[in-house]
């Protein structure tokens, strides 16, 4: 699957234009990465020395989309912001966003999950804005700053129809390789599916403090890609809870702690497979 990256990049490429203040103009080509366990599209809106990447990640099924803004950075304690995604300065989607940094890879990211109902508006879009409305909450009882607002980013978009179509092709490949299908379909090509129990890997201490502080609750649906050793190769949200920290915590815990008995293919050997799960986060009292 990885060998198709360059072909897809060439299909979607256009000459970069000089960066502008509002909206930001692309300085690089769209690159759609047909990785073994992910479908990710990226485009640079900064310089080579100081890149600003717009990132789109599509799950194997479910129709949702994760959008990220990735820059150079250092370790940042995860912060959750109330905010909005605005498509063509018309369709405003109220949501919240998660920001975090990783010193080891030298990056910081601002992430938001869009549900399937809102993803369709991106296909004809010419601009995309991601804005925060407060200064964020980093942990239980800690607010960063005293109200106010933070400016977001607006990106000029081109070739979104082609990008989304290519992501659709990539996710189709994922469904075939990892035997992932929609909820109302049975997986084919397997003698036995993967076996695992996620109910015991979560505890009350796992509830994100930033969500508990705001009394936020919700249900997260996600698809796991399970390799031949029973390890979680990828976790992607398919239905967002509407709370960024709950979405992120769900996948983080599963990827770290979940163990599966791998699926068995028709040949009797361990096989790649997928596993769908919904986690409900509730505060008692």
Protein backbone atom coordinates (compact mmCIF):
# COMPACT_ATOMS: atom_id res chain seq x y z
CA UNK A 1 0.00 0.00 0.00
CA UNK A 2 2.87 2.40 0.81
CA UNK A 3 4.18 2.19 -2.76
CA UNK A 4 1.15 4.13 -3.92
CA UNK A 5 2.06 7.25 -1.96
CA UNK A 6 4.10 8.91 -4.69
CA UNK A 7 1.51 8.15 -7.34
CA UNK A 8 -1.23 9.72 -5.26
CA UNK A 9 0.94 12.71 -4.46
CA UNK A 10 1.58 13.31 -8.14
CA UNK A 11 -2.10 13.02 -8.95
CA UNK A 12 -3.03 15.66 -6.39
CA UNK A 13 -0.08 18.01 -6.69
CA UNK A 14 -0.19 21.63 -7.70
CA UNK A 15 2.47 24.30 -7.62
CA UNK A 16 2.69 25.85 -4.15
CA UNK A 17 1.89 29.51 -3.77
CA UNK A 18 3.49 32.00 -1.47
CA UNK A 19 2.09 32.02 2.06
CA UNK A 20 -0.48 34.69 2.79
CA UNK A 21 -1.66 36.01 6.16
CA UNK A 22 -5.39 35.30 5.67
CA UNK A 23 -6.11 32.64 4.70
CA UNK A 24 -2.92 30.64 4.74
CA UNK A 25 -1.93 29.47 1.26
CA UNK A 26 -0.41 26.03 0.64
CA UNK A 27 3.33 25.88 0.12
CA UNK A 28 3.46 22.17 -0.71
CA UNK A 29 1.56 19.41 -2.44
CA UNK A 30 -1.20 17.27 -1.00
CA UNK A 31 0.34 13.94 -0.06
CA UNK A 32 -1.99 11.02 0.64
CA UNK A 33 -0.16 8.29 2.53
CA UNK A 34 -1.46 4.79 1.80
CA UNK A 35 0.23 3.39 4.92
CA UNK A 36 -0.28 -0.16 6.15
CA UNK A 37 -2.77 0.80 8.87
CA UNK A 38 -3.70 4.44 8.22
CA UNK A 39 -5.08 6.77 5.56
CA UNK A 40 -3.63 10.25 6.08
CA UNK A 41 -3.51 13.31 3.82
CA UNK A 42 -1.09 16.14 4.64
CA UNK A 43 -0.23 19.51 3.13
CA UNK A 44 2.32 22.09 4.22
CA UNK A 45 1.19 25.68 4.73
CA UNK A 46 4.44 26.91 6.23
CA UNK A 47 8.06 26.91 5.18
CA UNK A 48 10.40 23.95 4.92
CA UNK A 49 12.21 25.17 8.04
CA UNK A 50 9.03 25.98 9.96
CA UNK A 51 6.23 23.81 8.55
CA UNK A 52 2.53 24.06 9.37
CA UNK A 53 0.78 20.89 8.27
CA UNK A 54 -2.93 20.49 7.71
CA UNK A 55 -3.61 16.80 8.35
CA UNK A 56 -6.69 14.71 7.51
CA UNK A 57 -7.03 11.17 8.87
CA UNK A 58 -9.85 8.88 7.72
CA UNK A 59 -10.92 5.68 9.53
CA UNK A 60 -11.34 2.35 7.78
CA UNK A 61 -15.09 2.78 8.12
CA UNK A 62 -17.59 5.11 9.75
CA UNK A 63 -17.31 8.25 7.60
CA UNK A 64 -15.83 10.53 10.27
CA UNK A 65 -12.62 12.53 9.82
CA UNK A 66 -9.90 13.73 12.16
CA UNK A 67 -8.43 17.13 11.29
CA UNK A 68 -5.14 18.29 12.73
CA UNK A 69 -2.84 21.31 12.62
CA UNK A 70 0.72 20.15 13.29
CA UNK A 71 3.72 22.41 13.94
CA UNK A 72 7.16 22.24 15.45
CA UNK A 73 6.92 22.12 19.22
CA UNK A 74 7.84 20.66 22.57
CA UNK A 75 6.09 18.77 25.34
CA UNK A 76 2.73 20.39 26.10
CA UNK A 77 0.30 19.04 28.66
CA UNK A 78 -2.92 18.18 26.80
CA UNK A 79 -5.32 21.11 26.78
CA UNK A 80 -8.95 21.13 25.68
CA UNK A 81 -10.53 24.18 24.09
CA UNK A 82 -14.09 25.06 23.21
CA UNK A 83 -14.03 26.03 19.56
CA UNK A 84 -15.49 25.72 16.11
CA UNK A 85 -14.74 24.52 12.63
CA UNK A 86 -15.94 26.84 9.87
CA UNK A 87 -16.21 25.72 6.25
CA UNK A 88 -16.21 28.52 3.64
CA UNK A 89 -17.09 31.02 6.39
CA UNK A 90 -20.64 29.67 6.21
CA UNK A 91 -21.11 26.28 7.83
CA UNK A 92 -20.07 26.61 11.48
CA UNK A 93 -19.59 23.43 13.50
CA UNK A 94 -19.47 23.97 17.26
CA UNK A 95 -17.04 21.54 18.87
CA UNK A 96 -13.96 21.38 21.04
CA UNK A 97 -10.33 20.70 20.28
CA UNK A 98 -7.36 19.02 21.91
CA UNK A 99 -3.82 20.42 21.85
CA UNK A 100 -0.72 18.54 22.94
CA UNK A 101 3.00 18.45 22.23
CA UNK A 102 5.64 15.73 22.00
CA UNK A 103 9.25 16.74 22.54
CA UNK A 104 10.62 13.45 21.20
CA UNK A 105 9.26 14.08 17.72
CA UNK A 106 9.46 17.86 18.05
CA UNK A 107 5.82 18.52 17.20
CA UNK A 108 2.67 19.93 18.71
CA UNK A 109 -0.80 19.34 17.34
CA UNK A 110 -4.31 20.75 17.57
CA UNK A 111 -6.88 18.04 16.79
CA UNK A 112 -10.63 17.91 16.19
CA UNK A 113 -12.94 15.06 15.12
CA UNK A 114 -15.70 15.73 12.62
CA UNK A 115 -18.69 13.41 12.45
CA UNK A 116 -19.87 11.95 9.16
CA UNK A 117 -22.68 14.50 8.78
CA UNK A 118 -20.18 17.36 8.57
CA UNK A 119 -17.45 15.68 6.51
CA UNK A 120 -19.39 16.04 3.23
CA UNK A 121 -19.16 19.86 3.42
CA UNK A 122 -15.37 19.64 2.96
CA UNK A 123 -15.51 18.19 -0.56
CA UNK A 124 -16.42 21.47 -2.35
CA UNK A 125 -14.80 23.70 0.30
CA UNK A 126 -12.47 26.59 -0.58
CA UNK A 127 -11.51 27.59 2.97
CA UNK A 128 -11.35 25.87 6.35
CA UNK A 129 -11.07 27.68 9.67
CA UNK A 130 -10.29 26.08 13.02
CA UNK A 131 -10.87 28.47 15.92
CA UNK A 132 -10.76 28.30 19.71
CA UNK A 133 -13.11 30.36 21.90
CA UNK A 134 -11.30 30.21 25.26
CA UNK A 135 -7.85 29.77 26.73
CA UNK A 136 -8.38 26.13 27.52
CA UNK A 137 -8.32 23.78 30.46
CA UNK A 138 -5.18 21.73 31.01
CA UNK A 139 -6.17 19.61 34.01
CA UNK A 140 -8.73 19.35 36.79
CA UNK A 141 -9.25 22.77 38.33
CA UNK A 142 -6.69 24.55 36.17
CA UNK A 143 -7.72 27.11 33.59
CA UNK A 144 -5.08 28.63 31.32
CA UNK A 145 -5.61 32.36 31.38
CA UNK A 146 -8.73 34.29 32.37
CA UNK A 147 -11.23 33.95 29.56
CA UNK A 148 -10.72 35.82 26.33
CA UNK A 149 -10.23 34.17 22.96
CA UNK A 150 -7.46 32.73 20.85
CA UNK A 151 -7.16 33.31 17.18
CA UNK A 152 -7.44 30.26 15.00
CA UNK A 153 -6.14 29.39 11.57
CA UNK A 154 -7.81 29.67 8.19
CA UNK A 155 -6.51 27.56 5.31
CA UNK A 156 -7.12 28.02 1.61
CA UNK A 157 -8.25 24.69 0.17
CA UNK A 158 -7.83 23.32 -3.34
CA UNK A 159 -8.56 19.92 -4.87
CA UNK A 160 -10.55 18.79 -1.85
CA UNK A 161 -12.82 16.63 -3.97
CA UNK A 162 -9.80 14.74 -5.34
CA UNK A 163 -8.24 14.46 -1.87
CA UNK A 164 -11.41 13.07 -0.31
CA UNK A 165 -11.88 10.64 -3.21
CA UNK A 166 -8.33 9.39 -2.77
CA UNK A 167 -8.88 8.94 0.96
CA UNK A 168 -12.01 6.96 0.06
CA UNK A 169 -9.88 4.69 -2.13
CA UNK A 170 -7.34 4.30 0.66
CA UNK A 171 -9.99 3.38 3.25
CA UNK A 172 -11.47 0.87 0.81
CA UNK A 173 -8.06 -0.79 0.67
CA UNK A 174 -7.91 -0.77 4.49
CA UNK A 175 -11.27 -2.49 4.68
CA UNK A 176 -10.07 -5.21 2.33
CA UNK A 177 -6.66 -5.75 3.96
CA UNK A 178 -7.93 -5.56 7.56
CA UNK A 179 -11.33 -7.11 6.81
CA UNK A 180 -13.13 -4.09 8.22
CA UNK A 181 -16.71 -3.50 7.15
CA UNK A 182 -19.70 -1.38 8.04
CA UNK A 183 -21.66 -2.31 11.14
CA UNK A 184 -24.44 -4.06 9.20
CA UNK A 185 -22.06 -6.33 7.27
CA UNK A 186 -20.24 -9.46 8.27
CA UNK A 187 -16.46 -9.60 7.74
CA UNK A 188 -15.39 -12.04 5.05
CA UNK A 189 -12.20 -14.05 4.64
CA UNK A 190 -12.00 -15.11 8.28
CA UNK A 191 -12.60 -18.43 10.01
CA UNK A 192 -12.65 -16.71 13.40
CA UNK A 193 -12.67 -13.05 14.38
CA UNK A 194 -10.36 -11.46 16.98
CA UNK A 195 -11.17 -12.08 20.63
CA UNK A 196 -10.71 -9.43 23.30
CA UNK A 197 -12.47 -7.77 26.20
CA UNK A 198 -12.00 -4.02 26.63
CA UNK A 199 -14.26 -3.66 29.65
CA UNK A 200 -11.48 -4.34 32.14
CA UNK A 201 -8.84 -1.99 30.81
CA UNK A 202 -10.57 1.26 31.84
CA UNK A 203 -10.74 2.64 35.38
CA UNK A 204 -12.22 5.69 37.08
CA UNK A 205 -8.73 7.22 37.21
CA UNK A 206 -8.68 7.28 33.41
CA UNK A 207 -11.39 9.95 33.19
CA UNK A 208 -9.71 13.03 31.66
CA UNK A 209 -9.51 15.78 34.24
CA UNK A 210 -10.22 18.42 31.62
CA UNK A 211 -13.53 16.70 30.81
CA UNK A 212 -14.43 16.07 34.46
CA UNK A 213 -13.85 19.75 35.27
CA UNK A 214 -16.52 20.73 32.72
CA UNK A 215 -18.88 17.83 33.57
CA UNK A 216 -18.51 16.50 30.03
CA UNK A 217 -19.73 13.02 29.16
CA UNK A 218 -20.34 11.10 25.96
CA UNK A 219 -19.95 7.94 23.91
CA UNK A 220 -17.05 7.27 21.54
CA UNK A 221 -17.15 4.68 18.76
CA UNK A 222 -13.89 3.57 17.17
CA UNK A 223 -12.45 0.94 14.89
CA UNK A 224 -9.32 -0.99 15.85
CA UNK A 225 -7.04 -2.67 13.36
CA UNK A 226 -5.62 -5.83 14.94
CA UNK A 227 -2.50 -7.41 13.48
CA UNK A 228 -1.49 -11.08 13.31
CA UNK A 229 0.07 -10.91 16.80
CA UNK A 230 -3.08 -9.50 18.38
CA UNK A 231 -1.63 -6.00 18.78
CA UNK A 232 -3.61 -2.84 18.03
CA UNK A 233 -2.02 -1.40 14.89
CA UNK A 234 -4.34 1.61 14.76
CA UNK A 235 -7.31 3.16 16.54
CA UNK A 236 -9.46 5.73 14.78
CA UNK A 237 -12.65 7.38 16.04
CA UNK A 238 -15.64 6.60 13.83
CA UNK A 239 -18.27 8.45 15.90
CA UNK A 240 -17.10 11.34 18.05
CA UNK A 241 -18.41 11.99 21.54
CA UNK A 242 -18.17 15.71 20.84
CA UNK A 243 -15.53 15.96 23.57
CA UNK A 244 -11.97 15.95 22.25
CA UNK A 245 -10.32 14.63 25.42
CA UNK A 246 -12.73 11.67 25.69
CA UNK A 247 -12.11 10.72 22.06
CA UNK A 248 -8.33 10.92 22.48
CA UNK A 249 -8.28 9.10 25.83
CA UNK A 250 -10.34 6.21 24.46
CA UNK A 251 -7.85 5.42 21.71
CA UNK A 252 -4.81 6.12 23.89
CA UNK A 253 -5.86 3.60 26.54
CA UNK A 254 -6.88 0.93 24.05
CA UNK A 255 -3.63 1.21 22.09
CA UNK A 256 -1.58 0.99 25.28
CA UNK A 257 -3.43 -1.74 27.18
CA UNK A 258 -5.65 -3.82 24.89
CA UNK A 259 -4.61 -7.37 24.05
CA UNK A 260 -6.39 -9.61 21.58
CA UNK A 261 -6.30 -13.16 20.42
CA UNK A 262 -5.70 -12.61 16.69
CA UNK A 263 -8.27 -13.55 14.10
CA UNK A 264 -7.88 -16.77 12.14
CA UNK A 265 -7.95 -16.68 8.35
CA UNK A 266 -9.50 -19.24 6.05
CA UNK A 267 -6.07 -20.84 5.77
CA UNK A 268 -5.99 -21.46 9.52
CA UNK A 269 -3.24 -18.90 10.14
CA UNK A 270 -3.39 -15.70 12.25
CA UNK A 271 -4.85 -12.87 10.19
CA UNK A 272 -5.24 -9.12 10.17
CA UNK A 273 -8.70 -8.07 11.31
CA UNK A 274 -10.78 -5.22 12.70
CA UNK A 275 -12.72 -4.70 15.91
CA UNK A 276 -15.47 -2.15 16.55
CA UNK A 277 -16.16 -0.80 20.02
CA UNK A 278 -18.17 1.93 21.72
CA UNK A 279 -17.07 3.39 25.07
CA UNK A 280 -19.42 5.46 27.24
CA UNK A 281 -17.87 7.98 29.62
CA UNK A 282 -20.14 8.92 32.56
CA UNK A 283 -19.65 10.94 35.73
CA UNK A 284 -21.46 9.67 38.83
CA UNK A 285 -22.92 11.87 41.54
